[in-house]
PDB file of all heavy atoms in Angstrom:
ATOM      1  N   CYS A   1      97.408   1.245 -25.346  1.00  0.00           N
ATOM      2  CA  CYS A   1      98.427   0.682 -24.466  1.00  0.00           C
ATOM      3  C   CYS A   1      99.342   1.824 -24.045  1.00  0.00           C
ATOM      4  O   CYS A   1      99.813   2.574 -24.898  1.00  0.00           O
ATOM      5  CB  CYS A   1      99.223  -0.377 -25.217  1.00  0.00           C
ATOM      6  SG  CYS A   1     100.663  -1.012 -24.340  1.00  0.00           S
ATOM      7  N   ALA A   2      99.578   1.943 -22.770  1.00  0.00           N
ATOM      8  CA  ALA A   2     100.447   3.009 -22.288  1.00  0.00           C
ATOM      9  C   ALA A   2     101.595   2.438 -21.463  1.00  0.00           C
ATOM     10  O   ALA A   2     101.651   2.623 -20.257  1.00  0.00           O
ATOM     11  CB  ALA A   2      99.629   4.002 -21.463  1.00  0.00           C
ATOM     12  N   PRO A   3     102.522   1.724 -22.105  1.00  0.00           N
ATOM     13  CA  PRO A   3     103.670   1.245 -21.335  1.00  0.00           C
ATOM     14  C   PRO A   3     104.654   2.390 -21.103  1.00  0.00           C
ATOM     15  O   PRO A   3     104.837   3.248 -21.963  1.00  0.00           O
ATOM     16  CB  PRO A   3     104.274   0.168 -22.233  1.00  0.00           C
ATOM     17  CG  PRO A   3     103.927   0.607 -23.617  1.00  0.00           C
ATOM     18  CD  PRO A   3     102.593   1.304 -23.498  1.00  0.00           C
ATOM     19  N   GLU A   4     105.251   2.422 -19.947  1.00  0.00           N
ATOM     20  CA  GLU A   4     106.289   3.392 -19.620  1.00  0.00           C
ATOM     21  C   GLU A   4     105.864   4.831 -19.895  1.00  0.00           C
ATOM     22  O   GLU A   4     106.676   5.658 -20.327  1.00  0.00           O
ATOM     23  CB  GLU A   4     107.574   3.056 -20.379  1.00  0.00           C
ATOM     24  CG  GLU A   4     108.080   1.656 -20.077  1.00  0.00           C
ATOM     25  CD  GLU A   4     109.228   1.240 -20.976  1.00  0.00           C
ATOM     26  OE1 GLU A   4     109.903   2.107 -21.556  1.00  0.00           O
ATOM     27  OE2 GLU A   4     109.444   0.035 -21.082  1.00  0.00           O
ATOM     28  N   GLY A   5     104.588   5.153 -19.694  1.00  0.00           N
ATOM     29  CA  GLY A   5     104.119   6.523 -19.817  1.00  0.00           C
ATOM     30  C   GLY A   5     103.972   7.049 -21.228  1.00  0.00           C
ATOM     31  O   GLY A   5     103.696   8.224 -21.424  1.00  0.00           O
ATOM     32  N   LYS A   6     104.147   6.220 -22.246  1.00  0.00           N
ATOM     33  CA  LYS A   6     104.020   6.670 -23.633  1.00  0.00           C
ATOM     34  C   LYS A   6     102.657   6.242 -24.169  1.00  0.00           C
ATOM     35  O   LYS A   6     102.199   5.146 -23.887  1.00  0.00           O
ATOM     36  CB  LYS A   6     105.112   6.061 -24.501  1.00  0.00           C
ATOM     37  CG  LYS A   6     106.505   6.447 -24.077  1.00  0.00           C
ATOM     38  CD  LYS A   6     107.520   5.714 -24.929  1.00  0.00           C
ATOM     39  CE  LYS A   6     108.921   5.979 -24.415  1.00  0.00           C
ATOM     40  NZ  LYS A   6     109.916   5.179 -25.087  1.00  0.00           N
ATOM     41  N   ASP A   7     102.040   7.112 -24.957  1.00  0.00           N
ATOM     42  CA  ASP A   7     100.779   6.741 -25.595  1.00  0.00           C
ATOM     43  C   ASP A   7     101.098   5.924 -26.842  1.00  0.00           C
ATOM     44  O   ASP A   7     101.732   6.415 -27.769  1.00  0.00           O
ATOM     45  CB  ASP A   7      99.978   7.982 -25.982  1.00  0.00           C
ATOM     46  CG  ASP A   7      99.405   8.671 -24.763  1.00  0.00           C
ATOM     47  OD1 ASP A   7      99.121   7.972 -23.783  1.00  0.00           O
ATOM     48  OD2 ASP A   7      99.250   9.905 -24.791  1.00  0.00           O
ATOM     49  N   THR A   8     100.692   4.694 -26.830  1.00  0.00           N
ATOM     50  CA  THR A   8     100.907   3.813 -27.975  1.00  0.00           C
ATOM     51  C   THR A   8      99.659   2.984 -28.198  1.00  0.00           C
ATOM     52  O   THR A   8      98.745   2.973 -27.389  1.00  0.00           O
ATOM     53  CB  THR A   8     102.108   2.860 -27.767  1.00  0.00           C
ATOM     54  OG1 THR A   8     101.859   2.052 -26.623  1.00  0.00           O
ATOM     55  CG2 THR A   8     103.412   3.617 -27.565  1.00  0.00           C
ATOM     56  N   THR A   9      99.673   2.284 -29.299  1.00  0.00           N
ATOM     57  CA  THR A   9      98.617   1.336 -29.612  1.00  0.00           C
ATOM     58  C   THR A   9      99.246  -0.045 -29.622  1.00  0.00           C
ATOM     59  O   THR A   9     100.328  -0.247 -30.173  1.00  0.00           O
ATOM     60  CB  THR A   9      98.011   1.638 -31.000  1.00  0.00           C
ATOM     61  OG1 THR A   9      97.415   2.933 -30.951  1.00  0.00           O
ATOM     62  CG2 THR A   9      96.963   0.612 -31.382  1.00  0.00           C
ATOM     63  N   PHE A  10      98.576  -0.988 -28.998  1.00  0.00           N
ATOM     64  CA  PHE A  10      99.014  -2.376 -29.036  1.00  0.00           C
ATOM     65  C   PHE A  10      98.321  -3.027 -30.226  1.00  0.00           C
ATOM     66  O   PHE A  10      97.100  -2.934 -30.374  1.00  0.00           O
ATOM     67  CB  PHE A  10      98.619  -3.092 -27.741  1.00  0.00           C
ATOM     68  CG  PHE A  10      98.947  -4.561 -27.733  1.00  0.00           C
ATOM     69  CD1 PHE A  10     100.243  -4.992 -27.512  1.00  0.00           C
ATOM     70  CD2 PHE A  10      97.957  -5.504 -27.948  1.00  0.00           C
ATOM     71  CE1 PHE A  10     100.544  -6.350 -27.507  1.00  0.00           C
ATOM     72  CE2 PHE A  10      98.253  -6.857 -27.943  1.00  0.00           C
ATOM     73  CZ  PHE A  10      99.550  -7.281 -27.716  1.00  0.00           C
ATOM     74  N   ALA A  11      99.101  -3.640 -31.109  1.00  0.00           N
ATOM     75  CA  ALA A  11      98.546  -4.313 -32.286  1.00  0.00           C
ATOM     76  C   ALA A  11      98.863  -5.796 -32.194  1.00  0.00           C
ATOM     77  O   ALA A  11     100.013  -6.181 -31.982  1.00  0.00           O
ATOM     78  CB  ALA A  11      99.141  -3.726 -33.560  1.00  0.00           C
ATOM     79  N   LEU A  12      97.836  -6.603 -32.343  1.00  0.00           N
ATOM     80  CA  LEU A  12      97.965  -8.058 -32.331  1.00  0.00           C
ATOM     81  C   LEU A  12      97.487  -8.573 -33.678  1.00  0.00           C
ATOM     82  O   LEU A  12      96.318  -8.419 -34.029  1.00  0.00           O
ATOM     83  CB  LEU A  12      97.110  -8.653 -31.206  1.00  0.00           C
ATOM     84  CG  LEU A  12      96.991 -10.175 -31.160  1.00  0.00           C
ATOM     85  CD1 LEU A  12      98.353 -10.819 -30.889  1.00  0.00           C
ATOM     86  CD2 LEU A  12      95.982 -10.593 -30.101  1.00  0.00           C
ATOM     87  N   GLU A  13      98.410  -9.171 -34.442  1.00  0.00           N
ATOM     88  CA  GLU A  13      98.066  -9.735 -35.747  1.00  0.00           C
ATOM     89  C   GLU A  13      98.246 -11.239 -35.685  1.00  0.00           C
ATOM     90  O   GLU A  13      99.245 -11.739 -35.175  1.00  0.00           O
ATOM     91  CB  GLU A  13      98.960  -9.152 -36.834  1.00  0.00           C
ATOM     92  CG  GLU A  13      98.588  -9.631 -38.215  1.00  0.00           C
ATOM     93  CD  GLU A  13      99.394  -8.950 -39.317  1.00  0.00           C
ATOM     94  OE1 GLU A  13     100.110  -7.966 -39.038  1.00  0.00           O
ATOM     95  OE2 GLU A  13      99.295  -9.416 -40.461  1.00  0.00           O
ATOM     96  N   VAL A  14      97.269 -11.955 -36.186  1.00  0.00           N
ATOM     97  CA  VAL A  14      97.317 -13.417 -36.236  1.00  0.00           C
ATOM     98  C   VAL A  14      97.068 -13.842 -37.674  1.00  0.00           C
ATOM     99  O   VAL A  14      96.123 -13.369 -38.315  1.00  0.00           O
ATOM    100  CB  VAL A  14      96.255 -14.049 -35.306  1.00  0.00           C
ATOM    101  CG1 VAL A  14      96.251 -15.564 -35.440  1.00  0.00           C
ATOM    102  CG2 VAL A  14      96.495 -13.641 -33.862  1.00  0.00           C
ATOM    103  N   TYR A  15      97.923 -14.718 -38.171  1.00  0.00           N
ATOM    104  CA  TYR A  15      97.785 -15.259 -39.524  1.00  0.00           C
ATOM    105  C   TYR A  15      97.715 -16.777 -39.433  1.00  0.00           C
ATOM    106  O   TYR A  15      98.528 -17.404 -38.754  1.00  0.00           O
ATOM    107  CB  TYR A  15      98.971 -14.832 -40.397  1.00  0.00           C
ATOM    108  CG  TYR A  15      99.027 -15.540 -41.727  1.00  0.00           C
ATOM    109  CD1 TYR A  15      98.013 -15.369 -42.669  1.00  0.00           C
ATOM    110  CD2 TYR A  15     100.069 -16.397 -42.033  1.00  0.00           C
ATOM    111  CE1 TYR A  15      98.057 -16.031 -43.885  1.00  0.00           C
ATOM    112  CE2 TYR A  15     100.122 -17.053 -43.249  1.00  0.00           C
ATOM    113  CZ  TYR A  15      99.121 -16.867 -44.174  1.00  0.00           C
ATOM    114  OH  TYR A  15      99.154 -17.527 -45.368  1.00  0.00           O
ATOM    115  N   LEU A  16      96.733 -17.361 -40.107  1.00  0.00           N
ATOM    116  CA  LEU A  16      96.564 -18.813 -40.149  1.00  0.00           C
ATOM    117  C   LEU A  16      97.086 -19.304 -41.498  1.00  0.00           C
ATOM    118  O   LEU A  16      96.481 -19.025 -42.531  1.00  0.00           O
ATOM    119  CB  LEU A  16      95.088 -19.179 -39.978  1.00  0.00           C
ATOM    120  CG  LEU A  16      94.409 -18.593 -38.737  1.00  0.00           C
ATOM    121  CD1 LEU A  16      92.928 -18.911 -38.741  1.00  0.00           C
ATOM    122  CD2 LEU A  16      95.072 -19.083 -37.476  1.00  0.00           C
ATOM    123  N   SER A  17      98.200 -20.016 -41.478  1.00  0.00           N
ATOM    124  CA  SER A  17      98.831 -20.421 -42.740  1.00  0.00           C
ATOM    125  C   SER A  17      98.382 -21.790 -43.237  1.00  0.00           C
ATOM    126  O   SER A  17      98.793 -22.212 -44.307  1.00  0.00           O
ATOM    127  CB  SER A  17     100.354 -20.424 -42.590  1.00  0.00           C
ATOM    128  OG  SER A  17     100.757 -21.450 -41.711  1.00  0.00           O
ATOM    129  N   SER A  18      97.544 -22.463 -42.482  1.00  0.00           N
ATOM    130  CA  SER A  18      97.059 -23.772 -42.936  1.00  0.00           C
ATOM    131  C   SER A  18      96.065 -23.575 -44.083  1.00  0.00           C
ATOM    132  O   SER A  18      95.491 -22.508 -44.238  1.00  0.00           O
ATOM    133  CB  SER A  18      96.417 -24.535 -41.781  1.00  0.00           C
ATOM    134  OG  SER A  18      95.384 -23.781 -41.215  1.00  0.00           O
ATOM    135  N   PRO A  19      95.877 -24.600 -44.890  1.00  0.00           N
ATOM    136  CA  PRO A  19      94.927 -24.483 -46.000  1.00  0.00           C
ATOM    137  C   PRO A  19      93.541 -24.054 -45.512  1.00  0.00           C
ATOM    138  O   PRO A  19      93.108 -24.435 -44.424  1.00  0.00           O
ATOM    139  CB  PRO A  19      94.881 -25.895 -46.581  1.00  0.00           C
ATOM    140  CG  PRO A  19      96.171 -26.520 -46.169  1.00  0.00           C
ATOM    141  CD  PRO A  19      96.509 -25.917 -44.834  1.00  0.00           C
ATOM    142  N   THR A  20      92.873 -23.244 -46.303  1.00  0.00           N
ATOM    143  CA  THR A  20      91.537 -22.769 -45.947  1.00  0.00           C
ATOM    144  C   THR A  20      90.569 -23.950 -45.927  1.00  0.00           C
ATOM    145  O   THR A  20      90.456 -24.676 -46.908  1.00  0.00           O
ATOM    146  CB  THR A  20      91.052 -21.704 -46.946  1.00  0.00           C
ATOM    147  OG1 THR A  20      92.033 -20.659 -46.987  1.00  0.00           O
ATOM    148  CG2 THR A  20      89.712 -21.123 -46.533  1.00  0.00           C
ATOM    149  N   PRO A  21      89.879 -24.148 -44.809  1.00  0.00           N
ATOM    150  CA  PRO A  21      88.945 -25.275 -44.718  1.00  0.00           C
ATOM    151  C   PRO A  21      87.660 -24.996 -45.489  1.00  0.00           C
ATOM    152  O   PRO A  21      87.395 -23.868 -45.892  1.00  0.00           O
ATOM    153  CB  PRO A  21      88.667 -25.362 -43.218  1.00  0.00           C
ATOM    154  CG  PRO A  21      88.804 -23.955 -42.747  1.00  0.00           C
ATOM    155  CD  PRO A  21      89.901 -23.351 -43.593  1.00  0.00           C
ATOM    156  N   GLU A  22      86.876 -26.044 -45.669  1.00  0.00           N
ATOM    157  CA  GLU A  22      85.575 -25.876 -46.324  1.00  0.00           C
ATOM    158  C   GLU A  22      84.640 -25.016 -45.483  1.00  0.00           C
ATOM    159  O   GLU A  22      83.865 -24.235 -46.009  1.00  0.00           O
ATOM    160  CB  GLU A  22      84.942 -27.239 -46.597  1.00  0.00           C
ATOM    161  CG  GLU A  22      85.649 -28.010 -47.691  1.00  0.00           C
ATOM    162  CD  GLU A  22      84.983 -29.348 -47.972  1.00  0.00           C
ATOM    163  OE1 GLU A  22      83.762 -29.472 -47.724  1.00  0.00           O
ATOM    164  OE2 GLU A  22      85.686 -30.247 -48.435  1.00  0.00           O
ATOM    165  N   ASP A  23      84.732 -25.158 -44.165  1.00  0.00           N
ATOM    166  CA  ASP A  23      83.848 -24.421 -43.263  1.00  0.00           C
ATOM    167  C   ASP A  23      84.551 -23.164 -42.735  1.00  0.00           C
ATOM    168  O   ASP A  23      84.951 -23.088 -41.578  1.00  0.00           O
ATOM    169  CB  ASP A  23      83.409 -25.321 -42.110  1.00  0.00           C
ATOM    170  CG  ASP A  23      82.245 -24.731 -41.323  1.00  0.00           C
ATOM    171  OD1 ASP A  23      81.860 -23.573 -41.597  1.00  0.00           O
ATOM    172  OD2 ASP A  23      81.729 -25.421 -40.436  1.00  0.00           O
ATOM    173  N   VAL A  24      84.710 -22.166 -43.611  1.00  0.00           N
ATOM    174  CA  VAL A  24      85.389 -20.921 -43.245  1.00  0.00           C
ATOM    175  C   VAL A  24      84.663 -20.197 -42.106  1.00  0.00           C
ATOM    176  O   VAL A  24      85.310 -19.705 -41.180  1.00  0.00           O
ATOM    177  CB  VAL A  24      85.574 -20.009 -44.477  1.00  0.00           C
ATOM    178  CG1 VAL A  24      86.120 -18.648 -44.075  1.00  0.00           C
ATOM    179  CG2 VAL A  24      86.494 -20.672 -45.485  1.00  0.00           C
ATOM    180  N   PRO A  25      83.314 -20.109 -42.119  1.00  0.00           N
ATOM    181  CA  PRO A  25      82.647 -19.416 -41.008  1.00  0.00           C
ATOM    182  C   PRO A  25      82.972 -20.037 -39.638  1.00  0.00           C
ATOM    183  O   PRO A  25      83.137 -19.315 -38.660  1.00  0.00           O
ATOM    184  CB  PRO A  25      81.154 -19.547 -41.326  1.00  0.00           C
ATOM    185  CG  PRO A  25      81.115 -19.670 -42.821  1.00  0.00           C
ATOM    186  CD  PRO A  25      82.345 -20.474 -43.171  1.00  0.00           C
ATOM    187  N   GLU A  26      83.106 -21.343 -39.584  1.00  0.00           N
ATOM    188  CA  GLU A  26      83.428 -21.990 -38.309  1.00  0.00           C
ATOM    189  C   GLU A  26      84.857 -21.646 -37.886  1.00  0.00           C
ATOM    190  O   GLU A  26      85.126 -21.407 -36.714  1.00  0.00           O
ATOM    191  CB  GLU A  26      83.246 -23.509 -38.392  1.00  0.00           C
ATOM    192  CG  GLU A  26      83.433 -24.214 -37.071  1.00  0.00           C
ATOM    193  CD  GLU A  26      82.554 -23.667 -35.942  1.00  0.00           C
ATOM    194  OE1 GLU A  26      81.365 -23.363 -36.179  1.00  0.00           O
ATOM    195  OE2 GLU A  26      83.066 -23.526 -34.814  1.00  0.00           O
ATOM    196  N   ARG A  27      85.790 -21.608 -38.838  1.00  0.00           N
ATOM    197  CA  ARG A  27      87.165 -21.238 -38.487  1.00  0.00           C
ATOM    198  C   ARG A  27      87.220 -19.776 -38.027  1.00  0.00           C
ATOM    199  O   ARG A  27      87.937 -19.448 -37.099  1.00  0.00           O
ATOM    200  CB  ARG A  27      88.128 -21.459 -39.647  1.00  0.00           C
ATOM    201  CG  ARG A  27      89.552 -21.042 -39.242  1.00  0.00           C
ATOM    202  CD  ARG A  27      90.619 -21.605 -40.076  1.00  0.00           C
ATOM    203  NE  ARG A  27      90.825 -20.795 -41.260  1.00  0.00           N
ATOM    204  CZ  ARG A  27      91.869 -20.959 -42.065  1.00  0.00           C
ATOM    205  NH1 ARG A  27      92.764 -21.884 -41.816  1.00  0.00           N
ATOM    206  NH2 ARG A  27      91.989 -20.210 -43.130  1.00  0.00           N
ATOM    207  N   ARG A  28      86.443 -18.896 -38.656  1.00  0.00           N
ATOM    208  CA  ARG A  28      86.404 -17.494 -38.222  1.00  0.00           C
ATOM    209  C   ARG A  28      85.883 -17.403 -36.784  1.00  0.00           C
ATOM    210  O   ARG A  28      86.412 -16.635 -35.980  1.00  0.00           O
ATOM    211  CB  ARG A  28      85.534 -16.658 -39.158  1.00  0.00           C
ATOM    212  CG  ARG A  28      86.181 -16.414 -40.514  1.00  0.00           C
ATOM    213  CD  ARG A  28      85.235 -15.699 -41.452  1.00  0.00           C
ATOM    214  NE  ARG A  28      85.019 -14.327 -41.044  1.00  0.00           N
ATOM    215  CZ  ARG A  28      85.486 -13.260 -41.708  1.00  0.00           C
ATOM    216  NH1 ARG A  28      86.192 -13.419 -42.806  1.00  0.00           N
ATOM    217  NH2 ARG A  28      85.229 -12.055 -41.274  1.00  0.00           N
ATOM    218  N   LYS A  29      84.872 -18.194 -36.455  1.00  0.00           N
ATOM    219  CA  LYS A  29      84.356 -18.203 -35.081  1.00  0.00           C
ATOM    220  C   LYS A  29      85.416 -18.713 -34.111  1.00  0.00           C
ATOM    221  O   LYS A  29      85.571 -18.179 -33.012  1.00  0.00           O
ATOM    222  CB  LYS A  29      83.105 -19.084 -34.982  1.00  0.00           C
ATOM    223  CG  LYS A  29      81.885 -18.492 -35.630  1.00  0.00           C
ATOM    224  CD  LYS A  29      80.718 -19.455 -35.543  1.00  0.00           C
ATOM    225  CE  LYS A  29      79.563 -19.016 -36.411  1.00  0.00           C
ATOM    226  NZ  LYS A  29      78.511 -20.038 -36.488  1.00  0.00           N
ATOM    227  N   ALA A  30      86.139 -19.755 -34.519  1.00  0.00           N
ATOM    228  CA  ALA A  30      87.204 -20.306 -33.669  1.00  0.00           C
ATOM    229  C   ALA A  30      88.312 -19.270 -33.464  1.00  0.00           C
ATOM    230  O   ALA A  30      88.829 -19.114 -32.355  1.00  0.00           O
ATOM    231  CB  ALA A  30      87.768 -21.585 -34.294  1.00  0.00           C
ATOM    232  N   LEU A  31      88.676 -18.548 -34.523  1.00  0.00           N
ATOM    233  CA  LEU A  31      89.699 -17.508 -34.414  1.00  0.00           C
ATOM    234  C   LEU A  31      89.217 -16.393 -33.481  1.00  0.00           C
ATOM    235  O   LEU A  31      89.965 -15.914 -32.629  1.00  0.00           O
ATOM    236  CB  LEU A  31      90.047 -16.949 -35.797  1.00  0.00           C
ATOM    237  CG  LEU A  31      91.067 -15.810 -35.827  1.00  0.00           C
ATOM    238  CD1 LEU A  31      92.371 -16.202 -35.151  1.00  0.00           C
ATOM    239  CD2 LEU A  31      91.311 -15.382 -37.279  1.00  0.00           C
ATOM    240  N   GLU A  32      87.974 -15.999 -33.605  1.00  0.00           N
ATOM    241  CA  GLU A  32      87.433 -14.952 -32.733  1.00  0.00           C
ATOM    242  C   GLU A  32      87.450 -15.398 -31.270  1.00  0.00           C
ATOM    243  O   GLU A  32      87.834 -14.624 -30.382  1.00  0.00           O
ATOM    244  CB  GLU A  32      86.014 -14.580 -33.154  1.00  0.00           C
ATOM    245  CG  GLU A  32      85.459 -13.426 -32.357  1.00  0.00           C
ATOM    246  CD  GLU A  32      84.096 -12.947 -32.842  1.00  0.00           C
ATOM    247  OE1 GLU A  32      83.673 -13.300 -33.962  1.00  0.00           O
ATOM    248  OE2 GLU A  32      83.459 -12.198 -32.072  1.00  0.00           O
ATOM    249  N   ARG A  33      87.072 -16.646 -30.996  1.00  0.00           N
ATOM    250  CA  ARG A  33      87.107 -17.146 -29.608  1.00  0.00           C
ATOM    251  C   ARG A  33      88.533 -17.113 -29.063  1.00  0.00           C
ATOM    252  O   ARG A  33      88.768 -16.710 -27.919  1.00  0.00           O
ATOM    253  CB  ARG A  33      86.538 -18.564 -29.533  1.00  0.00           C
ATOM    254  CG  ARG A  33      85.028 -18.636 -29.654  1.00  0.00           C
ATOM    255  CD  ARG A  33      84.491 -20.029 -29.385  1.00  0.00           C
ATOM    256  NE  ARG A  33      84.932 -21.019 -30.342  1.00  0.00           N
ATOM    257  CZ  ARG A  33      84.292 -21.340 -31.461  1.00  0.00           C
ATOM    258  NH1 ARG A  33      83.139 -20.757 -31.753  1.00  0.00           N
ATOM    259  NH2 ARG A  33      84.762 -22.274 -32.271  1.00  0.00           N
ATOM    260  N   PHE A  34      89.496 -17.546 -29.886  1.00  0.00           N
ATOM    261  CA  PHE A  34      90.895 -17.531 -29.467  1.00  0.00           C
ATOM    262  C   PHE A  34      91.349 -16.094 -29.169  1.00  0.00           C
ATOM    263  O   PHE A  34      91.968 -15.826 -28.139  1.00  0.00           O
ATOM    264  CB  PHE A  34      91.793 -18.153 -30.541  1.00  0.00           C
ATOM    265  CG  PHE A  34      93.257 -17.976 -30.253  1.00  0.00           C
ATOM    266  CD1 PHE A  34      93.890 -18.753 -29.298  1.00  0.00           C
ATOM    267  CD2 PHE A  34      94.003 -17.016 -30.922  1.00  0.00           C
ATOM    268  CE1 PHE A  34      95.239 -18.580 -29.010  1.00  0.00           C
ATOM    269  CE2 PHE A  34      95.348 -16.832 -30.654  1.00  0.00           C
ATOM    270  CZ  PHE A  34      95.972 -17.619 -29.688  1.00  0.00           C
ATOM    271  N   LEU A  35      91.036 -15.159 -30.057  1.00  0.00           N
ATOM    272  CA  LEU A  35      91.468 -13.772 -29.887  1.00  0.00           C
ATOM    273  C   LEU A  35      90.877 -13.134 -28.638  1.00  0.00           C
ATOM    274  O   LEU A  35      91.559 -12.409 -27.918  1.00  0.00           O
ATOM    275  CB  LEU A  35      91.093 -12.952 -31.121  1.00  0.00           C
ATOM    276  CG  LEU A  35      91.863 -13.318 -32.393  1.00  0.00           C
ATOM    277  CD1 LEU A  35      91.218 -12.658 -33.601  1.00  0.00           C
ATOM    278  CD2 LEU A  35      93.322 -12.951 -32.278  1.00  0.00           C
ATOM    279  N   ARG A  36      89.612 -13.396 -28.373  1.00  0.00           N
ATOM    280  CA  ARG A  36      88.973 -12.837 -27.176  1.00  0.00           C
ATOM    281  C   ARG A  36      89.657 -13.340 -25.906  1.00  0.00           C
ATOM    282  O   ARG A  36      89.796 -12.614 -24.924  1.00  0.00           O
ATOM    283  CB  ARG A  36      87.486 -13.178 -27.140  1.00  0.00           C
ATOM    284  CG  ARG A  36      86.671 -12.388 -28.137  1.00  0.00           C
ATOM    285  CD  ARG A  36      85.175 -12.630 -27.986  1.00  0.00           C
ATOM    286  NE  ARG A  36      84.453 -12.002 -29.059  1.00  0.00           N
ATOM    287  CZ  ARG A  36      84.213 -10.700 -29.155  1.00  0.00           C
ATOM    288  NH1 ARG A  36      84.630  -9.889 -28.207  1.00  0.00           N
ATOM    289  NH2 ARG A  36      83.536 -10.212 -30.174  1.00  0.00           N
ATOM    290  N   SER A  37      90.105 -14.570 -25.919  1.00  0.00           N
ATOM    291  CA  SER A  37      90.782 -15.152 -24.772  1.00  0.00           C
ATOM    292  C   SER A  37      92.237 -14.674 -24.676  1.00  0.00           C
ATOM    293  O   SER A  37      92.727 -14.372 -23.587  1.00  0.00           O
ATOM    294  CB  SER A  37      90.745 -16.678 -24.888  1.00  0.00           C
ATOM    295  OG  SER A  37      91.572 -17.274 -23.934  1.00  0.00           O
ATOM    296  N   TYR A  38      92.921 -14.597 -25.806  1.00  0.00           N
ATOM    297  CA  TYR A  38      94.353 -14.309 -25.825  1.00  0.00           C
ATOM    298  C   TYR A  38      94.675 -12.827 -25.643  1.00  0.00           C
ATOM    299  O   TYR A  38      95.691 -12.479 -25.029  1.00  0.00           O
ATOM    300  CB  TYR A  38      94.953 -14.826 -27.140  1.00  0.00           C
ATOM    301  CG  TYR A  38      96.439 -14.648 -27.270  1.00  0.00           C
ATOM    302  CD1 TYR A  38      97.311 -15.357 -26.449  1.00  0.00           C
ATOM    303  CD2 TYR A  38      96.974 -13.771 -28.195  1.00  0.00           C
ATOM    304  CE1 TYR A  38      98.677 -15.200 -26.560  1.00  0.00           C
ATOM    305  CE2 TYR A  38      98.347 -13.609 -28.317  1.00  0.00           C
ATOM    306  CZ  TYR A  38      99.197 -14.324 -27.492  1.00  0.00           C
ATOM    307  OH  TYR A  38     100.547 -14.162 -27.607  1.00  0.00           O
ATOM    308  N   LEU A  39      93.844 -11.918 -26.158  1.00  0.00           N
ATOM    309  CA  LEU A  39      94.154 -10.492 -26.124  1.00  0.00           C
ATOM    310  C   LEU A  39      94.462  -9.970 -24.723  1.00  0.00           C
ATOM    311  O   LEU A  39      95.502  -9.325 -24.531  1.00  0.00           O
ATOM    312  CB  LEU A  39      93.040  -9.662 -26.776  1.00  0.00           C
ATOM    313  CG  LEU A  39      93.283  -8.153 -26.779  1.00  0.00           C
ATOM    314  CD1 LEU A  39      94.492  -7.793 -27.637  1.00  0.00           C
ATOM    315  CD2 LEU A  39      92.042  -7.415 -27.243  1.00  0.00           C
ATOM    316  N   PRO A  40      93.636 -10.196 -23.706  1.00  0.00           N
ATOM    317  CA  PRO A  40      93.946  -9.642 -22.383  1.00  0.00           C
ATOM    318  C   PRO A  40      95.292 -10.139 -21.830  1.00  0.00           C
ATOM    319  O   PRO A  40      96.043  -9.374 -21.234  1.00  0.00           O
ATOM    320  CB  PRO A  40      92.790 -10.115 -21.494  1.00  0.00           C
ATOM    321  CG  PRO A  40      91.696 -10.477 -22.428  1.00  0.00           C
ATOM    322  CD  PRO A  40      92.351 -10.897 -23.709  1.00  0.00           C
ATOM    323  N   THR A  41      95.598 -11.392 -22.057  1.00  0.00           N
ATOM    324  CA  THR A  41      96.863 -11.961 -21.592  1.00  0.00           C
ATOM    325  C   THR A  41      98.035 -11.352 -22.336  1.00  0.00           C
ATOM    326  O   THR A  41      99.061 -11.012 -21.753  1.00  0.00           O
ATOM    327  CB  THR A  41      96.848 -13.486 -21.777  1.00  0.00           C
ATOM    328  OG1 THR A  41      95.670 -14.008 -21.168  1.00  0.00           O
ATOM    329  CG2 THR A  41      98.050 -14.145 -21.147  1.00  0.00           C
ATOM    330  N   ALA A  42      97.885 -11.194 -23.662  1.00  0.00           N
ATOM    331  CA  ALA A  42      98.955 -10.615 -24.481  1.00  0.00           C
ATOM    332  C   ALA A  42      99.189  -9.155 -24.105  1.00  0.00           C
ATOM    333  O   ALA A  42     100.343  -8.706 -24.050  1.00  0.00           O
ATOM    334  CB  ALA A  42      98.608 -10.747 -25.958  1.00  0.00           C
TER     335      ALA A  42
END
């Protein structure tokens, strides 16, 4: 990320505080889909 002419890194951290579901792989896929969509906008 180079805002205002400075070399920087943009860091996006997401934490899910709800209880871990039984189907963790499905939640990981859902998180990945959300991140792929949200990152360009953010």
